[in-house]
PDB file of N, CA and C in Angstrom:
ATOM      1  N   MET A   1      -4.908  -4.242 -10.545  1.00  0.00           N
ATOM      2  CA  MET A   1      -5.630  -4.578  -9.343  1.00  0.00           C
ATOM      3  C   MET A   1      -6.627  -5.669  -9.644  1.00  0.00           C
ATOM      4  N   PHE A   2      -7.404  -5.509 -10.682  1.00  0.00           N
ATOM      5  CA  PHE A   2      -8.344  -6.522 -11.150  1.00  0.00           C
ATOM      6  C   PHE A   2      -8.113  -6.688 -12.647  1.00  0.00           C
ATOM      7  N   ALA A   3      -8.677  -7.721 -13.225  1.00  0.00           N
ATOM      8  CA  ALA A   3      -8.481  -7.991 -14.647  1.00  0.00           C
ATOM      9  C   ALA A   3      -8.976  -6.835 -15.526  1.00  0.00           C
ATOM     10  N   ASP A   4      -9.953  -6.060 -15.045  1.00  0.00           N
ATOM     11  CA  ASP A   4     -10.498  -4.979 -15.862  1.00  0.00           C
ATOM     12  C   ASP A   4      -9.683  -3.679 -15.773  1.00  0.00           C
ATOM     13  N   ALA A   5      -8.542  -3.719 -15.106  1.00  0.00           N
ATOM     14  CA  ALA A   5      -7.742  -2.507 -14.925  1.00  0.00           C
ATOM     15  C   ALA A   5      -7.038  -2.078 -16.205  1.00  0.00           C
ATOM     16  N   GLY A   6      -6.808  -3.007 -17.125  1.00  0.00           N
ATOM     17  CA  GLY A   6      -6.130  -2.657 -18.370  1.00  0.00           C
ATOM     18  C   GLY A   6      -4.631  -2.537 -18.176  1.00  0.00           C
ATOM     19  N   ASP A   7      -3.930  -2.157 -19.218  1.00  0.00           N
ATOM     20  CA  ASP A   7      -2.471  -2.050 -19.187  1.00  0.00           C
ATOM     21  C   ASP A   7      -2.086  -0.582 -19.059  1.00  0.00           C
ATOM     22  N   LYS A   8      -1.705  -0.170 -17.868  1.00  0.00           N
ATOM     23  CA  LYS A   8      -1.354   1.222 -17.608  1.00  0.00           C
ATOM     24  C   LYS A   8       0.141   1.414 -17.366  1.00  0.00           C
ATOM     25  N   GLY A   9       0.970   0.423 -17.662  1.00  0.00           N
ATOM     26  CA  GLY A   9       2.398   0.524 -17.413  1.00  0.00           C
ATOM     27  C   GLY A   9       2.787  -0.287 -16.195  1.00  0.00           C
ATOM     28  N   ASP A  10       4.064  -0.581 -16.080  1.00  0.00           N
ATOM     29  CA  ASP A  10       4.548  -1.404 -14.977  1.00  0.00           C
ATOM     30  C   ASP A  10       5.254  -0.533 -13.944  1.00  0.00           C
ATOM     31  N   TYR A  11       4.509  -0.149 -12.916  1.00  0.00           N
ATOM     32  CA  TYR A  11       5.065   0.688 -11.863  1.00  0.00           C
ATOM     33  C   TYR A  11       5.821  -0.125 -10.825  1.00  0.00           C
ATOM     34  N   ARG A  12       5.918  -1.441 -11.019  1.00  0.00           N
ATOM     35  CA  ARG A  12       6.641  -2.297 -10.079  1.00  0.00           C
ATOM     36  C   ARG A  12       8.143  -2.125 -10.194  1.00  0.00           C
ATOM     37  N   THR A  13       8.628  -1.701 -11.350  1.00  0.00           N
ATOM     38  CA  THR A  13      10.069  -1.601 -11.546  1.00  0.00           C
ATOM     39  C   THR A  13      10.623  -0.240 -11.136  1.00  0.00           C
ATOM     40  N   ALA A  14       9.865   0.809 -11.319  1.00  0.00           N
ATOM     41  CA  ALA A  14      10.313   2.145 -10.913  1.00  0.00           C
ATOM     42  C   ALA A  14       9.178   3.141 -11.134  1.00  0.00           C
ATOM     43  N   ASN A  15       9.170   4.186 -10.299  1.00  0.00           N
ATOM     44  CA  ASN A  15       8.228   5.288 -10.467  1.00  0.00           C
ATOM     45  C   ASN A  15       8.807   6.515  -9.776  1.00  0.00           C
ATOM     46  N   SER A  16       8.013   7.520  -9.511  1.00  0.00           N
ATOM     47  CA  SER A  16       8.549   8.784  -8.997  1.00  0.00           C
ATOM     48  C   SER A  16       9.143   8.692  -7.593  1.00  0.00           C
ATOM     49  N   VAL A  17       8.752   7.703  -6.772  1.00  0.00           N
ATOM     50  CA  VAL A  17       9.322   7.575  -5.426  1.00  0.00           C
ATOM     51  C   VAL A  17      10.033   6.243  -5.189  1.00  0.00           C
ATOM     52  N   PHE A  18       9.987   5.361  -6.158  1.00  0.00           N
ATOM     53  CA  PHE A  18      10.563   4.016  -6.008  1.00  0.00           C
ATOM     54  C   PHE A  18      11.537   3.762  -7.147  1.00  0.00           C
ATOM     55  N   ASP A  19      12.790   3.421  -6.793  1.00  0.00           N
ATOM     56  CA  ASP A  19      13.805   3.186  -7.819  1.00  0.00           C
ATOM     57  C   ASP A  19      13.974   1.713  -8.173  1.00  0.00           C
ATOM     58  N   GLY A  20      13.078   0.884  -7.704  1.00  0.00           N
ATOM     59  CA  GLY A  20      13.183  -0.551  -7.941  1.00  0.00           C
ATOM     60  C   GLY A  20      13.666  -1.304  -6.715  1.00  0.00           C
ATOM     61  N   HIS A  21      14.216  -0.569  -5.729  1.00  0.00           N
ATOM     62  CA  HIS A  21      14.725  -1.179  -4.496  1.00  0.00           C
ATOM     63  C   HIS A  21      14.297  -0.429  -3.238  1.00  0.00           C
ATOM     64  N   THR A  22      14.222   0.893  -3.327  1.00  0.00           N
ATOM     65  CA  THR A  22      14.001   1.728  -2.145  1.00  0.00           C
ATOM     66  C   THR A  22      12.950   2.793  -2.437  1.00  0.00           C
ATOM     67  N   VAL A  23      12.094   3.065  -1.444  1.00  0.00           N
ATOM     68  CA  VAL A  23      11.155   4.181  -1.530  1.00  0.00           C
ATOM     69  C   VAL A  23      11.884   5.408  -1.002  1.00  0.00           C
ATOM     70  N   HIS A  24      11.886   6.493  -1.774  1.00  0.00           N
ATOM     71  CA  HIS A  24      12.538   7.745  -1.379  1.00  0.00           C
ATOM     72  C   HIS A  24      11.474   8.800  -1.119  1.00  0.00           C
ATOM     73  N   LEU A  25      11.453   9.330   0.095  1.00  0.00           N
ATOM     74  CA  LEU A  25      10.478  10.348   0.481  1.00  0.00           C
ATOM     75  C   LEU A  25      11.214  11.576   0.983  1.00  0.00           C
ATOM     76  N   ALA A  26      10.622  12.736   0.797  1.00  0.00           N
ATOM     77  CA  ALA A  26      11.204  13.972   1.311  1.00  0.00           C
ATOM     78  C   ALA A  26      10.070  14.825   1.871  1.00  0.00           C
ATOM     79  N   GLY A  27      10.335  15.464   2.999  1.00  0.00           N
ATOM     80  CA  GLY A  27       9.329  16.326   3.607  1.00  0.00           C
ATOM     81  C   GLY A  27       9.935  17.180   4.693  1.00  0.00           C
ATOM     82  N   ALA A  28       9.247  18.242   5.037  1.00  0.00           N
ATOM     83  CA  ALA A  28       9.690  19.143   6.096  1.00  0.00           C
ATOM     84  C   ALA A  28       9.207  18.625   7.452  1.00  0.00           C
ATOM     85  N   ARG A  29       9.827  19.099   8.513  1.00  0.00           N
ATOM     86  CA  ARG A  29       9.398  18.712   9.861  1.00  0.00           C
ATOM     87  C   ARG A  29       7.940  19.113  10.082  1.00  0.00           C
ATOM     88  N   GLY A  30       7.205  18.229  10.752  1.00  0.00           N
ATOM     89  CA  GLY A  30       5.798  18.482  11.031  1.00  0.00           C
ATOM     90  C   GLY A  30       4.878  18.182   9.858  1.00  0.00           C
ATOM     91  N   GLU A  31       5.424  17.632   8.808  1.00  0.00           N
ATOM     92  CA  GLU A  31       4.656  17.356   7.599  1.00  0.00           C
ATOM     93  C   GLU A  31       4.487  15.849   7.412  1.00  0.00           C
ATOM     94  N   TYR A  32       3.367  15.446   6.831  1.00  0.00           N
ATOM     95  CA  TYR A  32       3.165  14.047   6.444  1.00  0.00           C
ATOM     96  C   TYR A  32       3.655  13.849   5.018  1.00  0.00           C
ATOM     97  N   VAL A  33       4.323  12.755   4.779  1.00  0.00           N
ATOM     98  CA  VAL A  33       4.619  12.297   3.425  1.00  0.00           C
ATOM     99  C   VAL A  33       3.994  10.917   3.303  1.00  0.00           C
ATOM    100  N   SER A  34       3.537  10.572   2.126  1.00  0.00           N
ATOM    101  CA  SER A  34       2.756   9.350   1.961  1.00  0.00           C
ATOM    102  C   SER A  34       3.152   8.628   0.693  1.00  0.00           C
ATOM    103  N   TYR A  35       2.874   7.347   0.687  1.00  0.00           N
ATOM    104  CA  TYR A  35       3.036   6.550  -0.521  1.00  0.00           C
ATOM    105  C   TYR A  35       2.121   5.342  -0.429  1.00  0.00           C
ATOM    106  N   GLN A  36       1.931   4.696  -1.566  1.00  0.00           N
ATOM    107  CA  GLN A  36       1.121   3.479  -1.599  1.00  0.00           C
ATOM    108  C   GLN A  36       2.012   2.292  -1.914  1.00  0.00           C
ATOM    109  N   LEU A  37       1.749   1.216  -1.213  1.00  0.00           N
ATOM    110  CA  LEU A  37       2.441  -0.046  -1.427  1.00  0.00           C
ATOM    111  C   LEU A  37       1.431  -1.010  -2.022  1.00  0.00           C
ATOM    112  N   CYS A  38       1.798  -1.661  -3.110  1.00  0.00           N
ATOM    113  CA  CYS A  38       0.908  -2.622  -3.760  1.00  0.00           C
ATOM    114  C   CYS A  38       1.448  -4.026  -3.506  1.00  0.00           C
ATOM    115  N   VAL A  39       0.665  -4.844  -2.808  1.00  0.00           N
ATOM    116  CA  VAL A  39       1.036  -6.234  -2.524  1.00  0.00           C
ATOM    117  C   VAL A  39       0.300  -7.097  -3.535  1.00  0.00           C
ATOM    118  N   GLU A  40       1.055  -7.812  -4.366  1.00  0.00           N
ATOM    119  CA  GLU A  40       0.451  -8.624  -5.420  1.00  0.00           C
ATOM    120  C   GLU A  40       0.385 -10.089  -5.026  1.00  0.00           C
ATOM    121  N   ASN A  41      -0.656 -10.734  -5.491  1.00  0.00           N
ATOM    122  CA  ASN A  41      -0.784 -12.180  -5.335  1.00  0.00           C
ATOM    123  C   ASN A  41      -0.415 -12.814  -6.672  1.00  0.00           C
ATOM    124  N   GLY A  42       0.788 -13.363  -6.759  1.00  0.00           N
ATOM    125  CA  GLY A  42       1.253 -14.005  -7.977  1.00  0.00           C
ATOM    126  C   GLY A  42       0.901 -15.479  -8.037  1.00  0.00           C
ATOM    127  N   GLU A  43       0.158 -15.951  -7.057  1.00  0.00           N
ATOM    128  CA  GLU A  43      -0.217 -17.368  -6.981  1.00  0.00           C
ATOM    129  C   GLU A  43      -1.649 -17.559  -7.451  1.00  0.00           C
ATOM    130  N   GLN A  44      -1.998 -18.788  -7.761  1.00  0.00           N
ATOM    131  CA  GLN A  44      -3.371 -19.116  -8.147  1.00  0.00           C
ATOM    132  C   GLN A  44      -4.285 -19.231  -6.929  1.00  0.00           C
ATOM    133  N   SER A  45      -3.706 -19.576  -5.785  1.00  0.00           N
ATOM    134  CA  SER A  45      -4.503 -19.757  -4.575  1.00  0.00           C
ATOM    135  C   SER A  45      -4.519 -18.470  -3.753  1.00  0.00           C
ATOM    136  N   PRO A  46      -5.541 -18.299  -2.915  1.00  0.00           N
ATOM    137  CA  PRO A  46      -5.605 -17.112  -2.053  1.00  0.00           C
ATOM    138  C   PRO A  46      -4.393 -17.035  -1.114  1.00  0.00           C
ATOM    139  N   GLN A  47      -3.943 -15.836  -0.847  1.00  0.00           N
ATOM    140  CA  GLN A  47      -2.859 -15.600   0.106  1.00  0.00           C
ATOM    141  C   GLN A  47      -3.486 -15.062   1.384  1.00  0.00           C
ATOM    142  N   LYS A  48      -3.150 -15.678   2.525  1.00  0.00           N
ATOM    143  CA  LYS A  48      -3.771 -15.315   3.797  1.00  0.00           C
ATOM    144  C   LYS A  48      -2.725 -14.854   4.801  1.00  0.00           C
ATOM    145  N   ASP A  49      -3.196 -14.166   5.832  1.00  0.00           N
ATOM    146  CA  ASP A  49      -2.357 -13.685   6.931  1.00  0.00           C
ATOM    147  C   ASP A  49      -1.189 -12.822   6.457  1.00  0.00           C
ATOM    148  N   LEU A  50      -1.443 -11.973   5.477  1.00  0.00           N
ATOM    149  CA  LEU A  50      -0.431 -11.037   5.000  1.00  0.00           C
ATOM    150  C   LEU A  50      -0.404  -9.820   5.914  1.00  0.00           C
ATOM    151  N   SER A  51       0.760  -9.241   6.098  1.00  0.00           N
ATOM    152  CA  SER A  51       0.870  -8.037   6.918  1.00  0.00           C
ATOM    153  C   SER A  51       1.943  -7.121   6.340  1.00  0.00           C
ATOM    154  N   VAL A  52       1.865  -5.861   6.705  1.00  0.00           N
ATOM    155  CA  VAL A  52       2.841  -4.862   6.276  1.00  0.00           C
ATOM    156  C   VAL A  52       3.367  -4.178   7.529  1.00  0.00           C
ATOM    157  N   ARG A  53       4.662  -4.175   7.686  1.00  0.00           N
ATOM    158  CA  ARG A  53       5.291  -3.523   8.844  1.00  0.00           C
ATOM    159  C   ARG A  53       6.509  -2.749   8.392  1.00  0.00           C
ATOM    160  N   GLN A  54       6.734  -1.611   8.993  1.00  0.00           N
ATOM    161  CA  GLN A  54       7.888  -0.782   8.688  1.00  0.00           C
ATOM    162  C   GLN A  54       8.628  -0.490   9.977  1.00  0.00           C
ATOM    163  N   GLY A  55       9.906  -0.745  10.001  1.00  0.00           N
ATOM    164  CA  GLY A  55      10.720  -0.377  11.155  1.00  0.00           C
ATOM    165  C   GLY A  55      11.082   1.105  11.077  1.00  0.00           C
ATOM    166  N   ASN A  56      12.027   1.517  11.871  1.00  0.00           N
ATOM    167  CA  ASN A  56      12.465   2.904  11.837  1.00  0.00           C
ATOM    168  C   ASN A  56      12.985   3.267  10.448  1.00  0.00           C
ATOM    169  N   LEU A  57      12.673   4.475  10.002  1.00  0.00           N
ATOM    170  CA  LEU A  57      13.163   4.962   8.717  1.00  0.00           C
ATOM    171  C   LEU A  57      14.453   5.727   8.951  1.00  0.00           C
ATOM    172  N   LEU A  58      15.439   5.455   8.147  1.00  0.00           N
ATOM    173  CA  LEU A  58      16.744   6.087   8.300  1.00  0.00           C
ATOM    174  C   LEU A  58      16.901   7.231   7.322  1.00  0.00           C
ATOM    175  N   GLY A  59      17.462   8.337   7.830  1.00  0.00           N
ATOM    176  CA  GLY A  59      17.673   9.520   7.004  1.00  0.00           C
ATOM    177  C   GLY A  59      19.133   9.932   7.003  1.00  0.00           C
ATOM    178  N   PRO A  60      19.407  11.104   6.485  1.00  0.00           N
ATOM    179  CA  PRO A  60      20.790  11.581   6.412  1.00  0.00           C
ATOM    180  C   PRO A  60      21.375  11.860   7.796  1.00  0.00           C
ATOM    181  N   GLU A  61      22.681  11.698   7.886  1.00  0.00           N
ATOM    182  CA  GLU A  61      23.436  12.011   9.103  1.00  0.00           C
ATOM    183  C   GLU A  61      22.921  11.267  10.327  1.00  0.00           C
ATOM    184  N   GLY A  62      22.453  10.038  10.131  1.00  0.00           N
ATOM    185  CA  GLY A  62      22.024   9.207  11.251  1.00  0.00           C
ATOM    186  C   GLY A  62      20.655   9.524  11.810  1.00  0.00           C
ATOM    187  N   SER A  63      19.902  10.413  11.171  1.00  0.00           N
ATOM    188  CA  SER A  63      18.559  10.734  11.656  1.00  0.00           C
ATOM    189  C   SER A  63      17.623   9.560  11.382  1.00  0.00           C
ATOM    190  N   SER A  64      16.530   9.492  12.142  1.00  0.00           N
ATOM    191  CA  SER A  64      15.563   8.419  11.917  1.00  0.00           C
ATOM    192  C   SER A  64      14.162   8.886  12.305  1.00  0.00           C
ATOM    193  N   ILE A  65      13.181   8.190  11.752  1.00  0.00           N
ATOM    194  CA  ILE A  65      11.776   8.415  12.091  1.00  0.00           C
ATOM    195  C   ILE A  65      11.270   7.095  12.646  1.00  0.00           C
ATOM    196  N   GLY A  66      10.754   7.125  13.861  1.00  0.00           N
ATOM    197  CA  GLY A  66      10.300   5.912  14.530  1.00  0.00           C
ATOM    198  C   GLY A  66       9.018   5.361  13.947  1.00  0.00           C
ATOM    199  N   GLU A  67       8.832   4.055  14.110  1.00  0.00           N
ATOM    200  CA  GLU A  67       7.637   3.407  13.555  1.00  0.00           C
ATOM    201  C   GLU A  67       6.352   3.920  14.193  1.00  0.00           C
ATOM    202  N   ASP A  68       6.432   4.586  15.360  1.00  0.00           N
ATOM    203  CA  ASP A  68       5.234   5.164  15.972  1.00  0.00           C
ATOM    204  C   ASP A  68       4.734   6.390  15.199  1.00  0.00           C
ATOM    205  N   ASN A  69       5.516   6.874  14.236  1.00  0.00           N
ATOM    206  CA  ASN A  69       5.119   7.995  13.377  1.00  0.00           C
ATOM    207  C   ASN A  69       4.623   7.520  12.006  1.00  0.00           C
ATOM    208  N   ILE A  70       4.331   6.224  11.891  1.00  0.00           N
ATOM    209  CA  ILE A  70       3.894   5.653  10.620  1.00  0.00           C
ATOM    210  C   ILE A  70       2.485   5.072  10.791  1.00  0.00           C
ATOM    211  N   GLU A  71       1.584   5.445   9.894  1.00  0.00           N
ATOM    212  CA  GLU A  71       0.201   4.961   9.933  1.00  0.00           C
ATOM    213  C   GLU A  71      -0.100   4.212   8.643  1.00  0.00           C
ATOM    214  N   TYR A  72      -0.910   3.145   8.762  1.00  0.00           N
ATOM    215  CA  TYR A  72      -1.244   2.291   7.628  1.00  0.00           C
ATOM    216  C   TYR A  72      -2.750   2.318   7.380  1.00  0.00           C
ATOM    217  N   TYR A  73      -3.118   2.323   6.109  1.00  0.00           N
ATOM    218  CA  TYR A  73      -4.518   2.294   5.701  1.00  0.00           C
ATOM    219  C   TYR A  73      -4.663   1.309   4.545  1.00  0.00           C
ATOM    220  N   ARG A  74      -5.618   0.419   4.666  1.00  0.00           N
ATOM    221  CA  ARG A  74      -5.879  -0.523   3.576  1.00  0.00           C
ATOM    222  C   ARG A  74      -6.902   0.107   2.642  1.00  0.00           C
ATOM    223  N   ASN A  75      -6.597   0.115   1.352  1.00  0.00           N
ATOM    224  CA  ASN A  75      -7.548   0.616   0.369  1.00  0.00           C
ATOM    225  C   ASN A  75      -8.636  -0.415   0.149  1.00  0.00           C
ATOM    226  N   TRP A  76      -9.880   0.030   0.261  1.00  0.00           N
ATOM    227  CA  TRP A  76     -11.021  -0.821  -0.058  1.00  0.00           C
ATOM    228  C   TRP A  76     -11.495  -0.414  -1.434  1.00  0.00           C
ATOM    229  N   TYR A  77     -11.835  -1.399  -2.232  1.00  0.00           N
ATOM    230  CA  TYR A  77     -12.200  -1.156  -3.617  1.00  0.00           C
ATOM    231  C   TYR A  77     -13.709  -1.061  -3.797  1.00  0.00           C
ATOM    232  N   ALA A  78     -14.097  -0.234  -4.746  1.00  0.00           N
ATOM    233  CA  ALA A  78     -15.499  -0.101  -5.130  1.00  0.00           C
ATOM    234  C   ALA A  78     -15.542   0.072  -6.649  1.00  0.00           C
ATOM    235  N   ARG A  79     -16.673  -0.213  -7.227  1.00  0.00           N
ATOM    236  CA  ARG A  79     -16.810  -0.043  -8.681  1.00  0.00           C
ATOM    237  C   ARG A  79     -17.141   1.422  -8.992  1.00  0.00           C
ATOM    238  N   ASN A  80     -16.500   1.938 -10.036  1.00  0.00           N
ATOM    239  CA  ASN A  80     -16.771   3.312 -10.452  1.00  0.00           C
ATOM    240  C   ASN A  80     -17.970   3.342 -11.409  1.00  0.00           C
ATOM    241  N   LYS A  81     -18.252   4.483 -11.981  1.00  0.00           N
ATOM    242  CA  LYS A  81     -19.427   4.612 -12.847  1.00  0.00           C
ATOM    243  C   LYS A  81     -19.351   3.733 -14.087  1.00  0.00           C
ATOM    244  N   ASP A  82     -18.132   3.338 -14.485  1.00  0.00           N
ATOM    245  CA  ASP A  82     -17.945   2.437 -15.625  1.00  0.00           C
ATOM    246  C   ASP A  82     -17.917   0.976 -15.208  1.00  0.00           C
ATOM    247  N   LYS A  83     -18.251   0.721 -13.932  1.00  0.00           N
ATOM    248  CA  LYS A  83     -18.286  -0.641 -13.365  1.00  0.00           C
ATOM    249  C   LYS A  83     -16.905  -1.280 -13.262  1.00  0.00           C
ATOM    250  N   LYS A  84     -15.863  -0.457 -13.245  1.00  0.00           N
ATOM    251  CA  LYS A  84     -14.496  -0.957 -13.060  1.00  0.00           C
ATOM    252  C   LYS A  84     -14.090  -0.739 -11.611  1.00  0.00           C
ATOM    253  N   TRP A  85     -13.242  -1.645 -11.095  1.00  0.00           N
ATOM    254  CA  TRP A  85     -12.785  -1.542  -9.716  1.00  0.00           C
ATOM    255  C   TRP A  85     -11.764  -0.431  -9.569  1.00  0.00           C
ATOM    256  N   GLN A  86     -11.835   0.276  -8.449  1.00  0.00           N
ATOM    257  CA  GLN A  86     -10.831   1.276  -8.102  1.00  0.00           C
ATOM    258  C   GLN A  86     -10.785   1.419  -6.594  1.00  0.00           C
ATOM    259  N   PRO A  87      -9.617   1.817  -6.039  1.00  0.00           N
ATOM    260  CA  PRO A  87      -9.559   2.051  -4.598  1.00  0.00           C
ATOM    261  C   PRO A  87     -10.447   3.248  -4.257  1.00  0.00           C
ATOM    262  N   ALA A  88     -11.272   3.100  -3.224  1.00  0.00           N
ATOM    263  CA  ALA A  88     -12.237   4.151  -2.911  1.00  0.00           C
ATOM    264  C   ALA A  88     -12.157   4.636  -1.469  1.00  0.00           C
ATOM    265  N   TYR A  89     -11.778   3.785  -0.542  1.00  0.00           N
ATOM    266  CA  TYR A  89     -11.770   4.148   0.874  1.00  0.00           C
ATOM    267  C   TYR A  89     -10.448   3.729   1.507  1.00  0.00           C
ATOM    268  N   CYS A  90      -9.956   4.516   2.428  1.00  0.00           N
ATOM    269  CA  CYS A  90      -8.763   4.159   3.206  1.00  0.00           C
ATOM    270  C   CYS A  90      -9.225   3.752   4.602  1.00  0.00           C
ATOM    271  N   VAL A  91      -9.091   2.475   4.910  1.00  0.00           N
ATOM    272  CA  VAL A  91      -9.534   1.940   6.194  1.00  0.00           C
ATOM    273  C   VAL A  91      -8.311   1.798   7.104  1.00  0.00           C
ATOM    274  N   PRO A  92      -8.305   2.466   8.267  1.00  0.00           N
ATOM    275  CA  PRO A  92      -7.144   2.376   9.155  1.00  0.00           C
ATOM    276  C   PRO A  92      -6.823   0.929   9.534  1.00  0.00           C
ATOM    277  N   MET A  93      -5.542   0.636   9.579  1.00  0.00           N
ATOM    278  CA  MET A  93      -5.070  -0.691   9.999  1.00  0.00           C
ATOM    279  C   MET A  93      -4.345  -0.548  11.328  1.00  0.00           C
ATOM    280  N   LYS A  94      -4.575  -1.486  12.214  1.00  0.00           N
ATOM    281  CA  LYS A  94      -3.820  -1.549  13.456  1.00  0.00           C
ATOM    282  C   LYS A  94      -2.524  -2.312  13.189  1.00  0.00           C
ATOM    283  N   THR A  95      -1.579  -2.167  14.073  1.00  0.00           N
ATOM    284  CA  THR A  95      -0.262  -2.767  13.883  1.00  0.00           C
ATOM    285  C   THR A  95      -0.321  -4.264  13.622  1.00  0.00           C
ATOM    286  N   LYS A  96      -1.236  -4.972  14.262  1.00  0.00           N
ATOM    287  CA  LYS A  96      -1.285  -6.425  14.133  1.00  0.00           C
ATOM    288  C   LYS A  96      -2.280  -6.913  13.086  1.00  0.00           C
ATOM    289  N   ASP A  97      -2.922  -6.005  12.350  1.00  0.00           N
ATOM    290  CA  ASP A  97      -3.910  -6.409  11.346  1.00  0.00           C
ATOM    291  C   ASP A  97      -3.254  -7.193  10.217  1.00  0.00           C
ATOM    292  N   THR A  98      -3.982  -8.186   9.722  1.00  0.00           N
ATOM    293  CA  THR A  98      -3.550  -8.932   8.546  1.00  0.00           C
ATOM    294  C   THR A  98      -4.639  -8.798   7.479  1.00  0.00           C
ATOM    295  N   PHE A  99      -4.303  -9.212   6.275  1.00  0.00           N
ATOM    296  CA  PHE A  99      -5.266  -9.165   5.186  1.00  0.00           C
ATOM    297  C   PHE A  99      -5.056 -10.357   4.262  1.00  0.00           C
ATOM    298  N   GLU A 100      -6.011 -10.541   3.351  1.00  0.00           N
ATOM    299  CA  GLU A 100      -5.974 -11.644   2.398  1.00  0.00           C
ATOM    300  C   GLU A 100      -6.126 -11.099   0.981  1.00  0.00           C
ATOM    301  N   ILE A 101      -5.570 -11.829   0.021  1.00  0.00           N
ATOM    302  CA  ILE A 101      -5.787 -11.524  -1.396  1.00  0.00           C
ATOM    303  C   ILE A 101      -6.226 -12.813  -2.068  1.00  0.00           C
ATOM    304  N   PRO A 102      -7.464 -12.890  -2.573  1.00  0.00           N
ATOM    305  CA  PRO A 102      -8.508 -11.871  -2.539  1.00  0.00           C
ATOM    306  C   PRO A 102      -9.121 -11.736  -1.151  1.00  0.00           C
ATOM    307  N   ASP A 103      -9.756 -10.608  -0.920  1.00  0.00           N
ATOM    308  CA  ASP A 103     -10.358 -10.301   0.371  1.00  0.00           C
ATOM    309  C   ASP A 103     -11.655 -11.100   0.534  1.00  0.00           C
ATOM    310  N   ALA A 104     -11.587 -12.183   1.286  1.00  0.00           N
ATOM    311  CA  ALA A 104     -12.743 -13.074   1.464  1.00  0.00           C
ATOM    312  C   ALA A 104     -13.902 -12.388   2.183  1.00  0.00           C
ATOM    313  N   THR A 105     -13.623 -11.463   3.082  1.00  0.00           N
ATOM    314  CA  THR A 105     -14.703 -10.798   3.819  1.00  0.00           C
ATOM    315  C   THR A 105     -15.517  -9.874   2.922  1.00  0.00           C
ATOM    316  N   ARG A 106     -14.913  -9.408   1.830  1.00  0.00           N
ATOM    317  CA  ARG A 106     -15.626  -8.499   0.917  1.00  0.00           C
ATOM    318  C   ARG A 106     -16.044  -9.188  -0.371  1.00  0.00           C
ATOM    319  N   ASN A 107     -15.663 -10.453  -0.534  1.00  0.00           N
ATOM    320  CA  ASN A 107     -16.043 -11.246  -1.702  1.00  0.00           C
ATOM    321  C   ASN A 107     -15.659 -10.549  -3.011  1.00  0.00           C
ATOM    322  N   LEU A 108     -14.388 -10.147  -3.115  1.00  0.00           N
ATOM    323  CA  LEU A 108     -13.896  -9.442  -4.300  1.00  0.00           C
ATOM    324  C   LEU A 108     -13.283 -10.447  -5.275  1.00  0.00           C
ATOM    325  N   GLU A 109     -14.125 -11.116  -5.989  1.00  0.00           N
ATOM    326  CA  GLU A 109     -13.675 -12.135  -6.933  1.00  0.00           C
ATOM    327  C   GLU A 109     -12.781 -11.499  -7.995  1.00  0.00           C
ATOM    328  N   GLY A 110     -11.659 -12.145  -8.267  1.00  0.00           N
ATOM    329  CA  GLY A 110     -10.730 -11.646  -9.269  1.00  0.00           C
ATOM    330  C   GLY A 110      -9.699 -10.678  -8.732  1.00  0.00           C
ATOM    331  N   GLN A 111      -9.752 -10.355  -7.446  1.00  0.00           N
ATOM    332  CA  GLN A 111      -8.774  -9.431  -6.863  1.00  0.00           C
ATOM    333  C   GLN A 111      -7.386 -10.061  -6.925  1.00  0.00           C
ATOM    334  N   ARG A 112      -6.418  -9.306  -7.463  1.00  0.00           N
ATOM    335  CA  ARG A 112      -5.054  -9.808  -7.601  1.00  0.00           C
ATOM    336  C   ARG A 112      -4.049  -9.066  -6.726  1.00  0.00           C
ATOM    337  N   ASN A 113      -4.456  -7.974  -6.124  1.00  0.00           N
ATOM    338  CA  ASN A 113      -3.537  -7.239  -5.258  1.00  0.00           C
ATOM    339  C   ASN A 113      -4.301  -6.486  -4.182  1.00  0.00           C
ATOM    340  N   GLN A 114      -3.543  -5.952  -3.245  1.00  0.00           N
ATOM    341  CA  GLN A 114      -4.102  -5.091  -2.197  1.00  0.00           C
ATOM    342  C   GLN A 114      -3.153  -3.923  -2.046  1.00  0.00           C
ATOM    343  N   THR A 115      -3.681  -2.710  -2.139  1.00  0.00           N
ATOM    344  CA  THR A 115      -2.838  -1.545  -1.929  1.00  0.00           C
ATOM    345  C   THR A 115      -2.989  -1.052  -0.494  1.00  0.00           C
ATOM    346  N   ILE A 116      -1.860  -0.634   0.050  1.00  0.00           N
ATOM    347  CA  ILE A 116      -1.782  -0.102   1.413  1.00  0.00           C
ATOM    348  C   ILE A 116      -1.274   1.332   1.295  1.00  0.00           C
ATOM    349  N   TYR A 117      -2.012   2.256   1.874  1.00  0.00           N
ATOM    350  CA  TYR A 117      -1.611   3.663   1.901  1.00  0.00           C
ATOM    351  C   TYR A 117      -0.820   3.877   3.186  1.00  0.00           C
ATOM    352  N   ILE A 118       0.366   4.457   3.080  1.00  0.00           N
ATOM    353  CA  ILE A 118       1.248   4.624   4.237  1.00  0.00           C
ATOM    354  C   ILE A 118       1.541   6.108   4.443  1.00  0.00           C
ATOM    355  N   ASP A 119       1.172   6.623   5.621  1.00  0.00           N
ATOM    356  CA  ASP A 119       1.447   7.996   6.023  1.00  0.00           C
ATOM    357  C   ASP A 119       2.633   8.009   6.978  1.00  0.00           C
ATOM    358  N   VAL A 120       3.592   8.884   6.700  1.00  0.00           N
ATOM    359  CA  VAL A 120       4.755   9.025   7.574  1.00  0.00           C
ATOM    360  C   VAL A 120       4.797  10.467   8.073  1.00  0.00           C
ATOM    361  N   LEU A 121       4.743  10.638   9.400  1.00  0.00           N
ATOM    362  CA  LEU A 121       4.871  11.976   9.992  1.00  0.00           C
ATOM    363  C   LEU A 121       6.346  12.256  10.233  1.00  0.00           C
ATOM    364  N   HIS A 122       6.819  13.357   9.652  1.00  0.00           N
ATOM    365  CA  HIS A 122       8.211  13.762   9.875  1.00  0.00           C
ATOM    366  C   HIS A 122       8.210  14.673  11.113  1.00  0.00           C
ATOM    367  N   PRO A 123       8.654  14.146  12.261  1.00  0.00           N
ATOM    368  CA  PRO A 123       8.557  14.927  13.515  1.00  0.00           C
ATOM    369  C   PRO A 123       9.475  16.150  13.536  1.00  0.00           C
TER     370      PRO A 123
END
């Protein structure tokens, strides 16, 4: 997330819910399932007007979950007791919200990514 994050492994290639191509979620009806999406800035210049959108989610036997059952939250970063950056707050995002990396409104010098927390309600 920031230069002081250290080397904790490369979760971009695969992890417990991402196989390198697809996010796999499982949940019961009436339950929320969630995941975080990390948007990286691989450029030297700031990236502006970025957005995250998800269409209908497809499930087994033609089932689907509509985008009206998906909520987005932008993680806001704060320094922890060791003065290192970490995500601290989930700020709700509206459908048309955009963001920048680095976040100019918060003056987060050295920011290289933005994480988005995504809640999916399984109706």
